[in-house]
Amino acid sequence: MKTTQHIPVGKLKRAGKILKTGLKVGRNYATYYGEKMVSSKGDRDKLDQNNASDIMESLQELKGSGLKVAQMLSMEENLLPKAYAEQFSLAQFSVPPLSIPLVKKTFKKYFGENPEEVFDRFDYKSKHAASIGQVHEAWLNDRKLAIKIQYPGVSESIDSDLAMLKPMASRLLNLNAKDTEIYFQEVSSKLVEETDYNLELTNSIWLSEACSSLNDLVFPKYIPTLSNEKILAMEWIDGIHLSEWSRLELTQETRNVMGQRLWDFYMFQLHNLKKLHADPHPGNFLVTPDGKLGVIDFGCIKDVPEYFYKPYTSLIVPNILDDKKQFKDILTELEILFPDDTAEEHDYFYNLFHELLSVALLPYRTDTFDFSDEKFFSKMSTMGQRLAHESLNSKIKPNRGSRHFIYVNRTFFGLYHLLHMLKAEINTEAQLKF
């Protein structure tokens, strides 16, 4: 894979890069509409592919908040045209790492010394490059370590990057930028937290200790003396990523056991801690040589406030969807329905979310649920595509839902997809023990 030799730093340089990408996208649209005028058959798929490729190339060079948002959107594939979903999924596993000279320069800037002056040995070749930082192997006093280094300029450019990218994202998802300001603020605040490695260190130690009672989970041991706001040091956990492990020839019992660990981990966090490891993609989970589940990267931690937790979790109560008054009250508390809605708006959103939740809550309606069930995920996909189509064409388009939905739903739909990847059958009733 090619490496990144330089990252634009500063608002003007980054804005210039985004502007150039916007011009490319504009030219792509001009070509598309020109072809339509000539032949009435503009190739929309080609337009999406060209735009997605140009946008992704720019985001990979800039790294940071835009790339993180692309990663988030790739997990909501029904919201995006296929070409965008495919390109943005690269943000999870295929980000060009920093070049060796840039790694050395960045580490010294953040730590005040070169890596070889701090560690007995340091591998300048990145083992994993993500949207905000990349991980290197290092050794000190016979301990193998994982050293996460943040990309230069990322934390200082979050607000300006999102401000530049907001019109592009709003157009892509057909959103009203004014109405979605509260959601962009939620994303911005979480990205600011993710770039503070001191906060991640605190969260990582707290959450790993809080979950220490759960069986067969492994968390890194963090090293505060080698960490700061831009560098995070921890002991290395050997293992293979969950996606790679899931492709091995495994017994159904083995898949079920690993899936149950994931399920119990998230139910414990939600119900006991009111905090969530809110970045549930396969790269953040390892299976160790002795068969335990390793949980890494606590950069994105979502607090779940009580006023959201109570109505959100009440949706899993059996037959709740059949109680019209109670279901309406819940939707109102979750900011999906409003007291001043017209009769048309009320009926539209009531029926819409009733149908959506009738599918999404199926795992909670039985004692066990088989996440390998293709019919369930086909229903989820069909529902997502239909809702996306309706949002593009409906005359009723106000954005609905609490800002807390962004990361809480991301967490649990991400969990669904991990369990589907594992083809695991889960004892969903086990949530009640928490």
Protein backbone atom coordinates (compact mmCIF):
# COMPACT_ATOMS: atom_id res chain seq x y z
CA MET A 1 0.00 0.00 0.00
CA LYS A 2 1.22 3.50 -0.77
CA THR A 3 2.08 5.71 2.18
CA THR A 4 1.10 9.27 3.01
CA GLN A 5 4.06 11.63 2.65
CA HIS A 6 2.25 14.78 3.74
CA ILE A 7 -1.03 15.71 5.44
CA PRO A 8 -2.43 19.19 4.80
CA VAL A 9 -2.38 21.03 8.15
CA GLY A 10 -4.28 24.22 8.86
CA LYS A 11 -7.76 25.42 7.87
CA LEU A 12 -6.75 27.06 4.58
CA LYS A 13 -4.78 24.10 3.24
CA ARG A 14 -7.46 21.59 4.22
CA ALA A 15 -10.24 23.82 2.91
CA GLY A 16 -8.32 24.12 -0.37
CA LYS A 17 -8.16 20.34 -0.70
CA ILE A 18 -11.88 19.96 0.02
CA LEU A 19 -12.66 22.75 -2.45
CA LYS A 20 -10.66 20.99 -5.18
CA THR A 21 -12.59 17.80 -4.49
CA GLY A 22 -15.85 19.75 -4.71
CA LEU A 23 -14.78 21.08 -8.09
CA LYS A 24 -14.06 17.52 -9.27
CA VAL A 25 -17.51 16.43 -8.12
CA GLY A 26 -18.99 19.43 -9.93
CA ARG A 27 -17.23 18.47 -13.16
CA ASN A 28 -18.50 14.92 -12.79
CA TYR A 29 -22.06 16.24 -12.51
CA ALA A 30 -21.51 18.53 -15.51
CA THR A 31 -20.33 15.56 -17.58
CA TYR A 32 -23.32 13.50 -16.42
CA TYR A 33 -25.89 16.18 -17.30
CA GLY A 34 -24.11 16.90 -20.58
CA GLU A 35 -24.45 13.24 -21.56
CA LYS A 36 -28.13 13.32 -20.59
CA MET A 37 -28.76 16.31 -22.81
CA VAL A 38 -27.10 14.58 -25.77
CA SER A 39 -28.41 11.06 -25.39
CA SER A 40 -30.98 11.26 -22.56
CA LYS A 41 -29.06 8.38 -20.93
CA GLY A 42 -26.62 9.77 -18.43
CA ASP A 43 -24.89 6.93 -16.56
CA ARG A 44 -25.85 7.54 -12.91
CA ASP A 45 -23.85 4.56 -11.65
CA LYS A 46 -20.72 5.93 -13.33
CA LEU A 47 -21.39 9.35 -11.78
CA ASP A 48 -21.68 7.81 -8.30
CA GLN A 49 -18.51 5.76 -8.81
CA ASN A 50 -16.49 8.77 -9.97
CA ASN A 51 -17.75 10.99 -7.17
CA ALA A 52 -17.24 8.34 -4.49
CA SER A 53 -13.71 7.64 -5.72
CA ASP A 54 -12.77 11.35 -5.82
CA ILE A 55 -14.22 12.01 -2.37
CA MET A 56 -12.54 8.96 -0.84
CA GLU A 57 -9.17 9.85 -2.36
CA SER A 58 -9.39 13.30 -0.80
CA LEU A 59 -10.51 12.00 2.61
CA GLN A 60 -7.69 9.46 2.72
CA GLU A 61 -5.18 12.24 2.11
CA LEU A 62 -6.72 14.57 4.70
CA LYS A 63 -7.52 11.82 7.22
CA GLY A 64 -9.34 12.91 10.38
CA SER A 65 -13.00 13.82 10.82
CA GLY A 66 -14.13 13.42 7.21
CA LEU A 67 -12.63 9.95 6.99
CA LYS A 68 -14.23 9.03 10.31
CA VAL A 69 -17.65 10.16 9.08
CA ALA A 70 -17.14 8.09 5.90
CA GLN A 71 -16.38 5.08 8.09
CA MET A 72 -19.59 5.69 10.07
CA LEU A 73 -21.68 6.05 6.91
CA SER A 74 -20.24 2.83 5.45
CA MET A 75 -21.85 0.95 8.36
CA GLU A 76 -25.24 2.39 7.32
CA GLU A 77 -25.05 1.08 3.78
CA ASN A 78 -28.77 1.47 3.12
CA LEU A 79 -28.44 5.24 3.44
CA LEU A 80 -25.96 5.47 0.58
CA PRO A 81 -25.80 4.62 -3.10
CA LYS A 82 -23.86 1.38 -3.57
CA ALA A 83 -20.74 3.08 -4.99
CA TYR A 84 -20.41 5.34 -1.94
CA ALA A 85 -20.97 2.48 0.52
CA GLU A 86 -18.25 0.41 -1.19
CA GLN A 87 -15.73 3.26 -1.30
CA PHE A 88 -16.41 4.48 2.24
CA SER A 89 -16.00 0.97 3.64
CA LEU A 90 -12.30 1.33 2.78
CA ALA A 91 -12.07 3.72 5.74
CA GLN A 92 -12.34 0.70 8.05
CA PHE A 93 -9.39 -1.33 6.77
CA SER A 94 -7.55 0.34 3.91
CA VAL A 95 -6.21 3.75 4.94
CA PRO A 96 -2.76 4.67 3.58
CA PRO A 97 -0.38 4.94 6.59
CA LEU A 98 2.09 7.72 7.23
CA SER A 99 5.50 7.37 5.59
CA ILE A 100 8.46 6.51 7.84
CA PRO A 101 9.88 10.08 7.81
CA LEU A 102 6.45 11.49 8.70
CA VAL A 103 6.00 8.93 11.52
CA LYS A 104 9.35 9.94 12.96
CA LYS A 105 8.61 13.65 12.65
CA THR A 106 5.12 13.28 14.16
CA PHE A 107 6.25 11.14 17.11
CA LYS A 108 9.05 13.56 18.02
CA LYS A 109 6.67 16.52 17.77
CA TYR A 110 4.21 14.88 20.16
CA PHE A 111 6.69 13.16 22.52
CA GLY A 112 9.80 15.31 22.34
CA GLU A 113 12.08 12.38 21.48
CA ASN A 114 12.55 9.94 18.60
CA PRO A 115 10.95 6.50 19.02
CA GLU A 116 14.33 4.75 19.23
CA GLU A 117 15.24 7.00 22.17
CA VAL A 118 12.11 5.88 24.05
CA PHE A 119 11.80 2.19 23.16
CA ASP A 120 14.24 -0.69 22.87
CA ARG A 121 12.81 -1.33 19.42
CA PHE A 122 10.18 0.44 17.31
CA ASP A 123 8.68 -0.77 14.02
CA TYR A 124 8.19 2.27 11.79
CA LYS A 125 5.90 0.26 9.50
CA SER A 126 2.33 0.71 10.71
CA LYS A 127 0.38 -2.41 11.68
CA HIS A 128 -2.96 -0.67 11.29
CA ALA A 129 -3.90 2.76 9.94
CA ALA A 130 -7.32 4.19 10.77
CA SER A 131 -9.09 7.52 10.31
CA ILE A 132 -7.56 9.44 13.24
CA GLY A 133 -4.33 7.58 14.00
CA GLN A 134 -2.22 4.51 13.28
CA VAL A 135 -0.71 1.75 15.40
CA HIS A 136 2.91 0.59 15.59
CA GLU A 137 4.64 -2.28 17.35
CA ALA A 138 7.30 -1.40 19.92
CA TRP A 139 9.27 -3.24 22.59
CA LEU A 140 10.42 -2.02 25.99
CA ASN A 141 11.92 -4.18 28.76
CA ASP A 142 10.82 -7.34 26.92
CA ARG A 143 7.21 -6.11 26.74
CA LYS A 144 5.57 -5.94 23.34
CA LEU A 145 3.59 -2.72 23.04
CA ALA A 146 1.05 -1.12 20.72
CA ILE A 147 1.73 2.59 20.18
CA LYS A 148 -1.08 4.65 18.66
CA ILE A 149 0.06 7.89 17.04
CA GLN A 150 -2.44 10.55 16.05
CA TYR A 151 -2.18 12.08 12.58
CA PRO A 152 -0.91 15.67 12.57
CA GLY A 153 -3.48 18.44 12.38
CA VAL A 154 -6.52 16.21 12.91
CA SER A 155 -7.78 17.59 16.22
CA GLU A 156 -7.33 21.23 15.21
CA SER A 157 -9.34 20.87 12.01
CA ILE A 158 -12.50 19.02 13.11
CA ASP A 159 -14.90 21.96 13.07
CA SER A 160 -13.54 23.48 9.86
CA ASP A 161 -13.48 20.10 8.07
CA LEU A 162 -17.07 19.31 9.05
CA ALA A 163 -18.22 22.79 8.09
CA MET A 164 -16.74 22.28 4.60
CA LEU A 165 -18.06 18.71 4.28
CA LYS A 166 -21.55 19.43 5.65
CA PRO A 167 -23.05 20.71 2.35
CA MET A 168 -21.65 17.69 0.50
CA ALA A 169 -23.02 15.26 3.10
CA SER A 170 -26.40 17.02 3.21
CA ARG A 171 -26.72 16.78 -0.55
CA LEU A 172 -25.65 13.15 -0.63
CA LEU A 173 -28.19 12.15 2.07
CA ASN A 174 -30.82 14.70 1.00
CA LEU A 175 -30.80 16.40 4.40
CA ASN A 176 -31.75 19.92 5.34
CA ALA A 177 -28.48 21.33 6.71
CA LYS A 178 -30.27 23.69 9.10
CA ASP A 179 -32.45 20.96 10.61
CA THR A 180 -29.48 18.60 11.03
CA GLU A 181 -27.26 21.07 12.92
CA ILE A 182 -27.87 19.32 16.25
CA TYR A 183 -26.75 16.00 14.73
CA PHE A 184 -23.59 17.51 13.26
CA GLN A 185 -22.83 18.99 16.68
CA GLU A 186 -23.17 15.53 18.24
CA VAL A 187 -20.74 14.06 15.70
CA SER A 188 -18.35 16.99 16.13
CA SER A 189 -18.29 16.66 19.93
CA LYS A 190 -17.56 12.92 19.74
CA LEU A 191 -14.78 13.49 17.21
CA VAL A 192 -13.19 16.06 19.52
CA GLU A 193 -13.26 13.42 22.27
CA GLU A 194 -11.72 10.81 19.95
CA THR A 195 -8.72 13.04 19.29
CA ASP A 196 -8.00 13.45 23.01
CA TYR A 197 -5.88 10.41 23.83
CA ASN A 198 -5.70 11.45 27.52
CA LEU A 199 -9.49 11.06 27.62
CA GLU A 200 -9.26 7.75 25.75
CA LEU A 201 -6.69 6.55 28.28
CA THR A 202 -9.02 7.40 31.16
CA ASN A 203 -12.05 5.82 29.45
CA SER A 204 -10.09 2.72 28.47
CA ILE A 205 -8.84 2.03 31.99
CA TRP A 206 -12.25 2.73 33.55
CA LEU A 207 -14.30 0.68 31.07
CA SER A 208 -11.93 -2.31 31.05
CA GLU A 209 -12.00 -2.41 34.86
CA ALA A 210 -15.79 -1.99 34.93
CA CYS A 211 -16.19 -4.97 32.56
CA SER A 212 -13.58 -7.16 34.24
CA SER A 213 -16.29 -9.40 35.74
CA LEU A 214 -17.39 -10.57 32.27
CA ASN A 215 -15.99 -13.95 31.28
CA ASP A 216 -13.32 -14.46 28.61
CA LEU A 217 -12.89 -10.84 27.59
CA VAL A 218 -9.40 -9.36 27.28
CA PHE A 219 -8.51 -5.66 27.40
CA PRO A 220 -5.14 -4.01 26.79
CA LYS A 221 -3.13 -2.84 29.79
CA TYR A 222 -2.42 0.84 29.26
CA ILE A 223 0.80 2.66 30.09
CA PRO A 224 0.14 6.24 31.23
CA THR A 225 3.85 7.13 31.48
CA LEU A 226 4.26 6.56 27.73
CA SER A 227 1.00 8.26 26.76
CA ASN A 228 -0.13 11.83 26.23
CA GLU A 229 -2.80 13.77 24.34
CA LYS A 230 -1.56 12.49 20.94
CA ILE A 231 0.25 9.23 21.81
CA LEU A 232 -1.39 6.19 23.44
CA ALA A 233 0.69 3.24 24.68
CA MET A 234 -0.64 -0.16 25.72
CA GLU A 235 0.47 -3.76 25.91
CA TRP A 236 0.07 -5.65 22.64
CA ILE A 237 -2.73 -8.23 22.42
CA ASP A 238 -1.92 -11.08 20.05
CA GLY A 239 -4.81 -12.35 17.97
CA ILE A 240 -6.62 -12.12 14.66
CA HIS A 241 -9.35 -9.65 13.79
CA LEU A 242 -12.88 -10.89 14.27
CA SER A 243 -13.69 -10.70 10.55
CA GLU A 244 -10.75 -12.96 9.68
CA TRP A 245 -11.59 -15.35 12.52
CA SER A 246 -15.22 -15.59 11.37
CA ARG A 247 -14.05 -16.96 7.97
CA LEU A 248 -12.33 -19.96 9.59
CA GLU A 249 -13.96 -23.38 9.73
CA LEU A 250 -15.61 -23.20 13.12
CA THR A 251 -18.23 -25.25 14.90
CA GLN A 252 -21.60 -23.61 15.45
CA GLU A 253 -21.04 -23.86 19.20
CA THR A 254 -17.77 -21.90 18.88
CA ARG A 255 -19.51 -19.18 16.87
CA ASN A 256 -22.34 -19.01 19.39
CA VAL A 257 -19.95 -18.70 22.33
CA MET A 258 -18.01 -15.83 20.74
CA GLY A 259 -21.21 -14.11 19.68
CA GLN A 260 -22.64 -14.42 23.20
CA ARG A 261 -19.55 -12.71 24.60
CA LEU A 262 -20.16 -9.77 22.27
CA TRP A 263 -23.85 -9.61 23.14
CA ASP A 264 -23.25 -9.79 26.89
CA PHE A 265 -20.49 -7.16 26.66
CA TYR A 266 -22.84 -4.65 25.04
CA MET A 267 -25.85 -5.45 27.22
CA PHE A 268 -23.70 -5.03 30.33
CA GLN A 269 -22.45 -1.65 29.14
CA LEU A 270 -25.93 -0.38 28.26
CA HIS A 271 -27.82 -1.55 31.33
CA ASN A 272 -25.14 -1.38 34.03
CA LEU A 273 -22.75 1.35 32.95
CA LYS A 274 -24.92 3.59 30.75
CA LYS A 275 -21.82 3.91 28.55
CA LEU A 276 -21.06 2.20 25.24
CA HIS A 277 -18.00 1.24 23.22
CA ALA A 278 -19.60 2.95 20.23
CA ASP A 279 -17.30 1.85 17.40
CA PRO A 280 -18.33 -1.78 16.82
CA HIS A 281 -16.55 -2.63 13.59
CA PRO A 282 -14.56 -5.90 13.20
CA GLY A 283 -11.16 -4.17 13.38
CA ASN A 284 -11.79 -3.28 17.03
CA PHE A 285 -12.14 -6.90 18.16
CA LEU A 286 -9.56 -9.69 18.24
CA VAL A 287 -9.74 -13.40 19.00
CA THR A 288 -6.71 -14.38 21.04
CA PRO A 289 -4.75 -17.66 20.60
CA ASP A 290 -6.49 -19.07 23.68
CA GLY A 291 -9.93 -18.24 22.26
CA LYS A 292 -10.80 -15.12 24.25
CA LEU A 293 -12.35 -11.94 22.83
CA GLY A 294 -9.99 -8.98 22.84
CA VAL A 295 -11.62 -5.53 22.86
CA ILE A 296 -9.46 -2.64 21.66
CA ASP A 297 -9.77 1.05 20.79
CA PHE A 298 -11.95 2.88 23.30
CA GLY A 299 -11.71 6.20 21.49
CA CYS A 300 -15.44 6.48 20.90
CA ILE A 301 -17.36 6.10 24.17
CA LYS A 302 -21.00 7.16 24.22
CA ASP A 303 -22.68 8.19 27.47
CA VAL A 304 -26.36 7.16 27.53
CA PRO A 305 -28.32 9.65 29.68
CA GLU A 306 -31.15 8.33 31.82
CA TYR A 307 -33.79 10.44 30.02
CA PHE A 308 -32.89 8.64 26.78
CA TYR A 309 -32.10 5.22 28.28
CA LYS A 310 -35.55 4.72 29.83
CA PRO A 311 -37.73 5.20 26.72
CA TYR A 312 -35.12 3.60 24.42
CA THR A 313 -34.90 0.37 26.42
CA SER A 314 -38.65 0.28 27.09
CA LEU A 315 -39.06 -0.56 23.40
CA ILE A 316 -37.86 -4.11 24.12
CA VAL A 317 -40.80 -4.75 26.48
CA PRO A 318 -43.00 -7.49 24.95
CA ASN A 319 -46.13 -6.22 23.17
CA ILE A 320 -45.10 -2.60 23.60
CA LEU A 321 -45.84 -1.95 19.93
CA ASP A 322 -49.43 -3.09 20.47
CA ASP A 323 -50.08 -0.47 23.16
CA LYS A 324 -50.82 2.60 21.02
CA LYS A 325 -50.82 5.13 23.84
CA GLN A 326 -47.62 3.87 25.47
CA PHE A 327 -45.85 3.52 22.12
CA LYS A 328 -46.87 7.08 21.21
CA ASP A 329 -45.53 8.34 24.56
CA ILE A 330 -42.22 6.61 23.94
CA LEU A 331 -41.90 8.10 20.46
CA THR A 332 -42.60 11.52 21.95
CA GLU A 333 -39.90 11.10 24.61
CA LEU A 334 -37.44 10.04 21.89
CA GLU A 335 -38.25 13.20 19.88
CA ILE A 336 -39.78 11.27 16.98
CA LEU A 337 -43.27 12.65 17.57
CA PHE A 338 -43.97 16.20 18.73
CA PRO A 339 -47.05 17.64 20.49
CA ASP A 340 -47.59 20.19 17.70
CA ASP A 341 -47.48 17.63 14.87
CA THR A 342 -50.33 17.76 12.41
CA ALA A 343 -52.54 14.68 12.13
CA GLU A 344 -50.77 13.82 8.86
CA GLU A 345 -47.31 14.13 10.42
CA HIS A 346 -48.33 12.13 13.49
CA ASP A 347 -49.79 9.24 11.47
CA TYR A 348 -46.90 9.22 9.01
CA PHE A 349 -44.13 8.95 11.62
CA TYR A 350 -46.11 6.73 14.00
CA ASN A 351 -46.75 4.16 11.27
CA LEU A 352 -43.24 4.52 9.84
CA PHE A 353 -41.47 3.76 13.13
CA HIS A 354 -43.98 1.09 14.10
CA GLU A 355 -43.14 -0.79 10.92
CA LEU A 356 -39.40 -0.21 11.29
CA LEU A 357 -39.26 -1.35 14.92
CA SER A 358 -41.47 -4.36 14.21
CA VAL A 359 -38.49 -5.68 12.25
CA ALA A 360 -35.52 -4.20 14.14
CA LEU A 361 -36.71 -5.51 17.54
CA LEU A 362 -37.26 -9.12 16.44
CA PRO A 363 -34.11 -10.35 18.27
CA TYR A 364 -35.70 -9.23 21.56
CA ARG A 365 -38.99 -11.00 20.97
CA THR A 366 -37.71 -14.55 21.58
CA ASP A 367 -35.42 -16.16 24.16
CA THR A 368 -32.85 -16.91 21.46
CA PHE A 369 -32.19 -15.39 18.06
CA ASP A 370 -30.25 -16.75 15.09
CA PHE A 371 -28.28 -13.86 13.57
CA SER A 372 -27.40 -15.98 10.55
CA ASP A 373 -31.04 -15.61 9.47
CA GLU A 374 -30.77 -14.08 5.98
CA LYS A 375 -34.50 -13.34 5.90
CA PHE A 376 -34.17 -11.04 8.90
CA PHE A 377 -31.28 -9.09 7.37
CA SER A 378 -33.02 -9.02 4.01
CA LYS A 379 -36.04 -7.43 5.74
CA MET A 380 -33.75 -4.95 7.45
CA SER A 381 -32.09 -4.09 4.14
CA THR A 382 -35.38 -3.76 2.28
CA MET A 383 -36.79 -1.59 5.04
CA GLY A 384 -33.70 0.62 5.03
CA GLN A 385 -33.79 1.06 1.26
CA ARG A 386 -37.51 1.86 1.32
CA LEU A 387 -37.11 4.39 4.12
CA ALA A 388 -34.20 6.01 2.30
CA HIS A 389 -36.34 6.22 -0.86
CA GLU A 390 -39.27 7.68 1.07
CA SER A 391 -37.03 10.28 2.71
CA LEU A 392 -35.97 11.42 -0.76
CA ASN A 393 -39.50 11.68 -2.10
CA SER A 394 -41.82 12.40 0.81
CA LYS A 395 -43.30 15.85 1.23
CA ILE A 396 -42.89 15.41 4.99
CA LYS A 397 -39.14 15.76 5.58
CA PRO A 398 -38.39 17.18 9.03
CA ASN A 399 -35.48 15.39 10.68
CA ARG A 400 -36.68 13.38 13.65
CA GLY A 401 -35.17 11.64 16.64
CA SER A 402 -32.95 12.45 19.59
CA ARG A 403 -29.30 13.23 18.83
CA HIS A 404 -28.42 10.24 21.02
CA PHE A 405 -29.76 7.90 18.33
CA ILE A 406 -26.68 8.57 16.16
CA TYR A 407 -24.17 6.68 18.29
CA VAL A 408 -26.52 4.37 20.20
CA ASN A 409 -28.14 3.04 17.01
CA ARG A 410 -24.73 2.89 15.36
CA THR A 411 -23.61 0.68 18.24
CA PHE A 412 -26.48 -1.77 18.19
CA PHE A 413 -26.90 -2.09 14.45
CA GLY A 414 -23.13 -2.54 14.33
CA LEU A 415 -23.52 -5.31 16.89
CA TYR A 416 -26.22 -6.93 14.73
CA HIS A 417 -23.84 -6.99 11.77
CA LEU A 418 -20.98 -8.43 13.82
CA LEU A 419 -23.26 -11.25 15.02
CA HIS A 420 -24.47 -11.80 11.46
CA MET A 421 -20.85 -12.03 10.30
CA LEU A 422 -20.25 -14.64 13.03
CA LYS A 423 -23.48 -16.48 12.10
CA ALA A 424 -24.13 -16.80 15.81
CA GLU A 425 -27.26 -17.86 17.67
CA ILE A 426 -27.61 -15.75 20.81
CA ASN A 427 -29.45 -16.14 24.08
CA THR A 428 -30.99 -12.68 23.95
CA GLU A 429 -32.89 -13.31 27.16
CA ALA A 430 -29.50 -13.09 28.90
CA GLN A 431 -29.81 -9.31 28.80
CA LEU A 432 -32.29 -9.58 31.67
CA LYS A 433 -29.54 -10.70 34.08
CA PHE A 434 -27.96 -7.26 33.78
